[in-house]
Amino acid sequence: MAEIGVKELKATASAVIEQVEAGAAYVVTKRGRPAAVLLPVDEAEDLVLANADEYVRMRREGRAAHAKGRTTSLKDLG
C-alpha cells in the first residue's frame, strides 16, 4: 500500500481518487505518521462487512454448526 502525505493529497486529490477508483490503496500520513486509509469502495465495504458484529456472529455460528455436521443445502437457502 502506497503512502501519501496530507499536503500531497490536497494537491493531487483528483488524481489520487482516480487511482483509488482503479484499485489503488493509500495510507495517508500526517506529520509522517499513518492517519487514514484510502481504499476502493468495494474493498472498504468488504472490510466493514467482514468485521460487522452480526456477520462475525453468524460466521462463528455457521462454523460451529458445520463442525458438528449440521449443514444447510443451497436449495433450502432459497
PDB file of N, CA and C in Angstrom:
ATOM      1  N   MET A   1       0.855  -1.161   0.000  1.00  0.00           N
ATOM      2  CA  MET A   1       0.000   0.000   0.000  1.00  0.00           C
ATOM      3  C   MET A   1       0.907   1.231   0.000  1.00  0.00           C
ATOM      4  N   ALA A   2       0.648   2.122  -0.920  1.00  0.00           N
ATOM      5  CA  ALA A   2       1.452   3.333  -1.045  1.00  0.00           C
ATOM      6  C   ALA A   2       1.108   4.316   0.070  1.00  0.00           C
ATOM      7  N   GLU A   3       2.066   5.174   0.385  1.00  0.00           N
ATOM      8  CA  GLU A   3       1.830   6.232   1.364  1.00  0.00           C
ATOM      9  C   GLU A   3       1.748   7.569   0.654  1.00  0.00           C
ATOM     10  N   ILE A   4       0.917   8.449   1.192  1.00  0.00           N
ATOM     11  CA  ILE A   4       0.816   9.802   0.666  1.00  0.00           C
ATOM     12  C   ILE A   4       0.568  10.739   1.842  1.00  0.00           C
ATOM     13  N   GLY A   5       1.294  11.846   1.853  1.00  0.00           N
ATOM     14  CA  GLY A   5       1.121  12.826   2.914  1.00  0.00           C
ATOM     15  C   GLY A   5      -0.117  13.676   2.671  1.00  0.00           C
ATOM     16  N   VAL A   6      -0.645  14.247   3.736  1.00  0.00           N
ATOM     17  CA  VAL A   6      -1.838  15.086   3.634  1.00  0.00           C
ATOM     18  C   VAL A   6      -1.610  16.234   2.663  1.00  0.00           C
ATOM     19  N   LYS A   7      -0.458  16.877   2.744  1.00  0.00           N
ATOM     20  CA  LYS A   7      -0.161  18.018   1.867  1.00  0.00           C
ATOM     21  C   LYS A   7      -0.175  17.597   0.398  1.00  0.00           C
ATOM     22  N   GLU A   8       0.463  16.461   0.098  1.00  0.00           N
ATOM     23  CA  GLU A   8       0.475  15.958  -1.281  1.00  0.00           C
ATOM     24  C   GLU A   8      -0.931  15.546  -1.717  1.00  0.00           C
ATOM     25  N   LEU A   9      -1.683  14.941  -0.818  1.00  0.00           N
ATOM     26  CA  LEU A   9      -3.051  14.535  -1.140  1.00  0.00           C
ATOM     27  C   LEU A   9      -3.904  15.749  -1.489  1.00  0.00           C
ATOM     28  N   LYS A  10      -3.760  16.825  -0.724  1.00  0.00           N
ATOM     29  CA  LYS A  10      -4.512  18.051  -1.021  1.00  0.00           C
ATOM     30  C   LYS A  10      -4.201  18.554  -2.423  1.00  0.00           C
ATOM     31  N   ALA A  11      -2.942  18.461  -2.810  1.00  0.00           N
ATOM     32  CA  ALA A  11      -2.516  18.984  -4.112  1.00  0.00           C
ATOM     33  C   ALA A  11      -2.905  18.082  -5.272  1.00  0.00           C
ATOM     34  N   THR A  12      -3.098  16.795  -5.004  1.00  0.00           N
ATOM     35  CA  THR A  12      -3.330  15.832  -6.091  1.00  0.00           C
ATOM     36  C   THR A  12      -4.576  14.981  -5.865  1.00  0.00           C
ATOM     37  N   ALA A  13      -5.530  15.489  -5.116  1.00  0.00           N
ATOM     38  CA  ALA A  13      -6.690  14.690  -4.705  1.00  0.00           C
ATOM     39  C   ALA A  13      -7.422  14.044  -5.873  1.00  0.00           C
ATOM     40  N   SER A  14      -7.684  14.784  -6.935  1.00  0.00           N
ATOM     41  CA  SER A  14      -8.435  14.211  -8.064  1.00  0.00           C
ATOM     42  C   SER A  14      -7.704  13.025  -8.674  1.00  0.00           C
ATOM     43  N   ALA A  15      -6.408  13.168  -8.885  1.00  0.00           N
ATOM     44  CA  ALA A  15      -5.622  12.084  -9.470  1.00  0.00           C
ATOM     45  C   ALA A  15      -5.559  10.880  -8.531  1.00  0.00           C
ATOM     46  N   VAL A  16      -5.401  11.143  -7.247  1.00  0.00           N
ATOM     47  CA  VAL A  16      -5.339  10.047  -6.275  1.00  0.00           C
ATOM     48  C   VAL A  16      -6.673   9.306  -6.230  1.00  0.00           C
ATOM     49  N   ILE A  17      -7.783  10.031  -6.232  1.00  0.00           N
ATOM     50  CA  ILE A  17      -9.104   9.391  -6.220  1.00  0.00           C
ATOM     51  C   ILE A  17      -9.293   8.533  -7.464  1.00  0.00           C
ATOM     52  N   GLU A  18      -8.847   9.007  -8.608  1.00  0.00           N
ATOM     53  CA  GLU A  18      -8.927   8.196  -9.834  1.00  0.00           C
ATOM     54  C   GLU A  18      -8.143   6.904  -9.668  1.00  0.00           C
ATOM     55  N   GLN A  19      -6.963   6.988  -9.061  1.00  0.00           N
ATOM     56  CA  GLN A  19      -6.149   5.789  -8.845  1.00  0.00           C
ATOM     57  C   GLN A  19      -6.845   4.835  -7.876  1.00  0.00           C
ATOM     58  N   VAL A  20      -7.459   5.379  -6.841  1.00  0.00           N
ATOM     59  CA  VAL A  20      -8.177   4.541  -5.875  1.00  0.00           C
ATOM     60  C   VAL A  20      -9.368   3.868  -6.554  1.00  0.00           C
ATOM     61  N   GLU A  21     -10.087   4.605  -7.384  1.00  0.00           N
ATOM     62  CA  GLU A  21     -11.205   4.011  -8.125  1.00  0.00           C
ATOM     63  C   GLU A  21     -10.732   2.873  -9.022  1.00  0.00           C
ATOM     64  N   ALA A  22      -9.472   2.948  -9.476  1.00  0.00           N
ATOM     65  CA  ALA A  22      -8.899   1.915 -10.338  1.00  0.00           C
ATOM     66  C   ALA A  22      -8.295   0.758  -9.540  1.00  0.00           C
ATOM     67  N   GLY A  23      -8.363   0.840  -8.197  1.00  0.00           N
ATOM     68  CA  GLY A  23      -7.889  -0.278  -7.389  1.00  0.00           C
ATOM     69  C   GLY A  23      -6.724   0.006  -6.469  1.00  0.00           C
ATOM     70  N   ALA A  24      -6.134   1.186  -6.549  1.00  0.00           N
ATOM     71  CA  ALA A  24      -5.002   1.523  -5.682  1.00  0.00           C
ATOM     72  C   ALA A  24      -5.488   1.761  -4.254  1.00  0.00           C
ATOM     73  N   ALA A  25      -4.583   1.614  -3.315  1.00  0.00           N
ATOM     74  CA  ALA A  25      -4.883   1.896  -1.910  1.00  0.00           C
ATOM     75  C   ALA A  25      -3.747   2.740  -1.344  1.00  0.00           C
ATOM     76  N   TYR A  26      -4.083   3.650  -0.458  1.00  0.00           N
ATOM     77  CA  TYR A  26      -3.093   4.555   0.124  1.00  0.00           C
ATOM     78  C   TYR A  26      -3.245   4.627   1.633  1.00  0.00           C
ATOM     79  N   VAL A  27      -2.108   4.751   2.303  1.00  0.00           N
ATOM     80  CA  VAL A  27      -2.081   5.149   3.701  1.00  0.00           C
ATOM     81  C   VAL A  27      -1.793   6.642   3.681  1.00  0.00           C
ATOM     82  N   VAL A  28      -2.683   7.419   4.262  1.00  0.00           N
ATOM     83  CA  VAL A  28      -2.493   8.866   4.322  1.00  0.00           C
ATOM     84  C   VAL A  28      -1.745   9.169   5.614  1.00  0.00           C
ATOM     85  N   THR A  29      -0.630   9.884   5.481  1.00  0.00           N
ATOM     86  CA  THR A  29       0.167  10.217   6.651  1.00  0.00           C
ATOM     87  C   THR A  29       0.016  11.689   7.009  1.00  0.00           C
ATOM     88  N   LYS A  30       0.101  11.944   8.294  1.00  0.00           N
ATOM     89  CA  LYS A  30       0.052  13.305   8.818  1.00  0.00           C
ATOM     90  C   LYS A  30       1.269  13.467   9.710  1.00  0.00           C
ATOM     91  N   ARG A  31       2.144  14.360   9.306  1.00  0.00           N
ATOM     92  CA  ARG A  31       3.419  14.550  10.017  1.00  0.00           C
ATOM     93  C   ARG A  31       4.206  13.244  10.100  1.00  0.00           C
ATOM     94  N   GLY A  32       4.141  12.460   9.019  1.00  0.00           N
ATOM     95  CA  GLY A  32       4.910  11.236   8.924  1.00  0.00           C
ATOM     96  C   GLY A  32       4.304  10.019   9.607  1.00  0.00           C
ATOM     97  N   ARG A  33       3.136  10.186  10.214  1.00  0.00           N
ATOM     98  CA  ARG A  33       2.501   9.062  10.907  1.00  0.00           C
ATOM     99  C   ARG A  33       1.206   8.673  10.198  1.00  0.00           C
ATOM    100  N   PRO A  34       0.911   7.387  10.103  1.00  0.00           N
ATOM    101  CA  PRO A  34      -0.335   6.957   9.464  1.00  0.00           C
ATOM    102  C   PRO A  34      -1.546   7.584  10.159  1.00  0.00           C
ATOM    103  N   ALA A  35      -2.462   8.136   9.353  1.00  0.00           N
ATOM    104  CA  ALA A  35      -3.643   8.794   9.909  1.00  0.00           C
ATOM    105  C   ALA A  35      -4.943   8.256   9.318  1.00  0.00           C
ATOM    106  N   ALA A  36      -4.881   7.753   8.090  1.00  0.00           N
ATOM    107  CA  ALA A  36      -6.098   7.287   7.424  1.00  0.00           C
ATOM    108  C   ALA A  36      -5.712   6.346   6.296  1.00  0.00           C
ATOM    109  N   VAL A  37      -6.717   5.676   5.757  1.00  0.00           N
ATOM    110  CA  VAL A  37      -6.509   4.780   4.622  1.00  0.00           C
ATOM    111  C   VAL A  37      -7.529   5.127   3.550  1.00  0.00           C
ATOM    112  N   LEU A  38      -7.084   5.163   2.307  1.00  0.00           N
ATOM    113  CA  LEU A  38      -7.978   5.326   1.161  1.00  0.00           C
ATOM    114  C   LEU A  38      -8.055   3.985   0.455  1.00  0.00           C
ATOM    115  N   LEU A  39      -9.264   3.448   0.337  1.00  0.00           N
ATOM    116  CA  LEU A  39      -9.492   2.159  -0.320  1.00  0.00           C
ATOM    117  C   LEU A  39     -10.597   2.305  -1.345  1.00  0.00           C
ATOM    118  N   PRO A  40     -10.585   1.462  -2.388  1.00  0.00           N
ATOM    119  CA  PRO A  40     -11.735   1.418  -3.281  1.00  0.00           C
ATOM    120  C   PRO A  40     -12.983   1.050  -2.468  1.00  0.00           C
ATOM    121  N   VAL A  41     -14.126   1.565  -2.869  1.00  0.00           N
ATOM    122  CA  VAL A  41     -15.370   1.350  -2.126  1.00  0.00           C
ATOM    123  C   VAL A  41     -15.650  -0.135  -1.917  1.00  0.00           C
ATOM    124  N   ASP A  42     -15.449  -0.970  -2.936  1.00  0.00           N
ATOM    125  CA  ASP A  42     -15.717  -2.410  -2.807  1.00  0.00           C
ATOM    126  C   ASP A  42     -14.913  -3.012  -1.662  1.00  0.00           C
ATOM    127  N   GLU A  43     -13.628  -2.672  -1.597  1.00  0.00           N
ATOM    128  CA  GLU A  43     -12.771  -3.215  -0.547  1.00  0.00           C
ATOM    129  C   GLU A  43     -13.181  -2.696   0.820  1.00  0.00           C
ATOM    130  N   ALA A  44     -13.541  -1.432   0.899  1.00  0.00           N
ATOM    131  CA  ALA A  44     -13.973  -0.856   2.176  1.00  0.00           C
ATOM    132  C   ALA A  44     -15.250  -1.531   2.661  1.00  0.00           C
ATOM    133  N   GLU A  45     -16.201  -1.745   1.753  1.00  0.00           N
ATOM    134  CA  GLU A  45     -17.447  -2.421   2.130  1.00  0.00           C
ATOM    135  C   GLU A  45     -17.173  -3.833   2.616  1.00  0.00           C
ATOM    136  N   ASP A  46     -16.292  -4.558   1.911  1.00  0.00           N
ATOM    137  CA  ASP A  46     -15.945  -5.919   2.326  1.00  0.00           C
ATOM    138  C   ASP A  46     -15.306  -5.916   3.711  1.00  0.00           C
ATOM    139  N   LEU A  47     -14.426  -4.954   3.953  1.00  0.00           N
ATOM    140  CA  LEU A  47     -13.745  -4.855   5.242  1.00  0.00           C
ATOM    141  C   LEU A  47     -14.735  -4.572   6.363  1.00  0.00           C
ATOM    142  N   VAL A  48     -15.643  -3.652   6.134  1.00  0.00           N
ATOM    143  CA  VAL A  48     -16.651  -3.322   7.145  1.00  0.00           C
ATOM    144  C   VAL A  48     -17.552  -4.519   7.401  1.00  0.00           C
ATOM    145  N   LEU A  49     -18.017  -5.158   6.337  1.00  0.00           N
ATOM    146  CA  LEU A  49     -18.898  -6.314   6.492  1.00  0.00           C
ATOM    147  C   LEU A  49     -18.196  -7.439   7.232  1.00  0.00           C
ATOM    148  N   ALA A  50     -16.949  -7.704   6.881  1.00  0.00           N
ATOM    149  CA  ALA A  50     -16.212  -8.807   7.496  1.00  0.00           C
ATOM    150  C   ALA A  50     -16.014  -8.594   8.991  1.00  0.00           C
ATOM    151  N   ASN A  51     -16.096  -7.355   9.441  1.00  0.00           N
ATOM    152  CA  ASN A  51     -15.891  -7.056  10.854  1.00  0.00           C
ATOM    153  C   ASN A  51     -17.165  -6.608  11.569  1.00  0.00           C
ATOM    154  N   ALA A  52     -18.289  -6.639  10.871  1.00  0.00           N
ATOM    155  CA  ALA A  52     -19.560  -6.262  11.489  1.00  0.00           C
ATOM    156  C   ALA A  52     -19.954  -7.325  12.509  1.00  0.00           C
ATOM    157  N   ASP A  53     -20.419  -6.886  13.656  1.00  0.00           N
ATOM    158  CA  ASP A  53     -20.744  -7.811  14.749  1.00  0.00           C
ATOM    159  C   ASP A  53     -21.690  -8.926  14.325  1.00  0.00           C
ATOM    160  N   GLU A  54     -22.769  -8.585  13.629  1.00  0.00           N
ATOM    161  CA  GLU A  54     -23.748  -9.603  13.230  1.00  0.00           C
ATOM    162  C   GLU A  54     -23.124 -10.613  12.269  1.00  0.00           C
ATOM    163  N   TYR A  55     -22.327 -10.128  11.315  1.00  0.00           N
ATOM    164  CA  TYR A  55     -21.688 -11.024  10.359  1.00  0.00           C
ATOM    165  C   TYR A  55     -20.703 -11.947  11.071  1.00  0.00           C
ATOM    166  N   VAL A  56     -19.913 -11.390  11.970  1.00  0.00           N
ATOM    167  CA  VAL A  56     -18.935 -12.193  12.707  1.00  0.00           C
ATOM    168  C   VAL A  56     -19.657 -13.259  13.533  1.00  0.00           C
ATOM    169  N   ARG A  57     -20.763 -12.882  14.184  1.00  0.00           N
ATOM    170  CA  ARG A  57     -21.539 -13.843  14.973  1.00  0.00           C
ATOM    171  C   ARG A  57     -22.087 -14.957  14.085  1.00  0.00           C
ATOM    172  N   MET A  58     -22.673 -14.584  12.944  1.00  0.00           N
ATOM    173  CA  MET A  58     -23.242 -15.581  12.030  1.00  0.00           C
ATOM    174  C   MET A  58     -22.161 -16.508  11.482  1.00  0.00           C
ATOM    175  N   ARG A  59     -20.997 -15.946  11.167  1.00  0.00           N
ATOM    176  CA  ARG A  59     -19.894 -16.759  10.658  1.00  0.00           C
ATOM    177  C   ARG A  59     -19.438 -17.748  11.724  1.00  0.00           C
ATOM    178  N   ARG A  60     -19.311 -17.285  12.975  1.00  0.00           N
ATOM    179  CA  ARG A  60     -18.899 -18.155  14.072  1.00  0.00           C
ATOM    180  C   ARG A  60     -19.918 -19.278  14.278  1.00  0.00           C
ATOM    181  N   GLU A  61     -21.207 -18.927  14.283  1.00  0.00           N
ATOM    182  CA  GLU A  61     -22.259 -19.934  14.457  1.00  0.00           C
ATOM    183  C   GLU A  61     -22.268 -20.930  13.303  1.00  0.00           C
ATOM    184  N   GLY A  62     -22.067 -20.451  12.095  1.00  0.00           N
ATOM    185  CA  GLY A  62     -22.031 -21.331  10.933  1.00  0.00           C
ATOM    186  C   GLY A  62     -20.873 -22.310  10.990  1.00  0.00           C
ATOM    187  N   ARG A  63     -19.724 -21.815  11.408  1.00  0.00           N
ATOM    188  CA  ARG A  63     -18.554 -22.705  11.522  1.00  0.00           C
ATOM    189  C   ARG A  63     -18.768 -23.749  12.615  1.00  0.00           C
ATOM    190  N   ALA A  64     -19.374 -23.335  13.723  1.00  0.00           N
ATOM    191  CA  ALA A  64     -19.646 -24.284  14.809  1.00  0.00           C
ATOM    192  C   ALA A  64     -20.647 -25.340  14.359  1.00  0.00           C
ATOM    193  N   ALA A  65     -21.692 -24.929  13.649  1.00  0.00           N
ATOM    194  CA  ALA A  65     -22.685 -25.880  13.143  1.00  0.00           C
ATOM    195  C   ALA A  65     -22.044 -26.848  12.159  1.00  0.00           C
ATOM    196  N   HIS A  66     -21.194 -26.340  11.297  1.00  0.00           N
ATOM    197  CA  HIS A  66     -20.510 -27.195  10.317  1.00  0.00           C
ATOM    198  C   HIS A  66     -19.621 -28.205  11.024  1.00  0.00           C
ATOM    199  N   ALA A  67     -18.919 -27.767  12.051  1.00  0.00           N
ATOM    200  CA  ALA A  67     -18.043 -28.676  12.799  1.00  0.00           C
ATOM    201  C   ALA A  67     -18.834 -29.804  13.453  1.00  0.00           C
ATOM    202  N   LYS A  68     -20.099 -29.540  13.778  1.00  0.00           N
ATOM    203  CA  LYS A  68     -20.966 -30.562  14.378  1.00  0.00           C
ATOM    204  C   LYS A  68     -21.716 -31.363  13.326  1.00  0.00           C
ATOM    205  N   GLY A  69     -21.423 -31.099  12.053  1.00  0.00           N
ATOM    206  CA  GLY A  69     -22.054 -31.852  10.976  1.00  0.00           C
ATOM    207  C   GLY A  69     -23.394 -31.310  10.529  1.00  0.00           C
ATOM    208  N   ARG A  70     -23.795 -30.166  11.062  1.00  0.00           N
ATOM    209  CA  ARG A  70     -25.068 -29.563  10.655  1.00  0.00           C
ATOM    210  C   ARG A  70     -24.808 -28.630   9.480  1.00  0.00           C
ATOM    211  N   THR A  71     -25.483 -28.889   8.396  1.00  0.00           N
ATOM    212  CA  THR A  71     -25.330 -28.059   7.207  1.00  0.00           C
ATOM    213  C   THR A  71     -26.698 -27.705   6.638  1.00  0.00           C
ATOM    214  N   THR A  72     -26.719 -26.720   5.763  1.00  0.00           N
ATOM    215  CA  THR A  72     -27.938 -26.306   5.069  1.00  0.00           C
ATOM    216  C   THR A  72     -27.643 -26.335   3.583  1.00  0.00           C
ATOM    217  N   SER A  73     -28.512 -26.969   2.823  1.00  0.00           N
ATOM    218  CA  SER A  73     -28.291 -27.041   1.377  1.00  0.00           C
ATOM    219  C   SER A  73     -28.610 -25.695   0.737  1.00  0.00           C
ATOM    220  N   LEU A  74     -28.020 -25.460  -0.419  1.00  0.00           N
ATOM    221  CA  LEU A  74     -28.311 -24.235  -1.160  1.00  0.00           C
ATOM    222  C   LEU A  74     -29.784 -24.169  -1.535  1.00  0.00           C
ATOM    223  N   LYS A  75     -30.369 -25.324  -1.815  1.00  0.00           N
ATOM    224  CA  LYS A  75     -31.796 -25.383  -2.156  1.00  0.00           C
ATOM    225  C   LYS A  75     -32.646 -24.839  -1.007  1.00  0.00           C
ATOM    226  N   ASP A  76     -32.291 -25.200   0.227  1.00  0.00           N
ATOM    227  CA  ASP A  76     -33.043 -24.736   1.393  1.00  0.00           C
ATOM    228  C   ASP A  76     -32.854 -23.243   1.652  1.00  0.00           C
ATOM    229  N   LEU A  77     -31.737 -22.703   1.198  1.00  0.00           N
ATOM    230  CA  LEU A  77     -31.488 -21.274   1.387  1.00  0.00           C
ATOM    231  C   LEU A  77     -32.338 -20.428   0.461  1.00  0.00           C
ATOM    232  N   GLY A  78     -32.792 -21.048  -0.614  1.00  0.00           N
ATOM    233  CA  GLY A  78     -33.766 -20.426  -1.426  1.00  0.00           C
ATOM    234  C   GLY A  78     -33.481 -19.666  -2.589  1.00  0.00           C
TER     235      GLY A  78
END
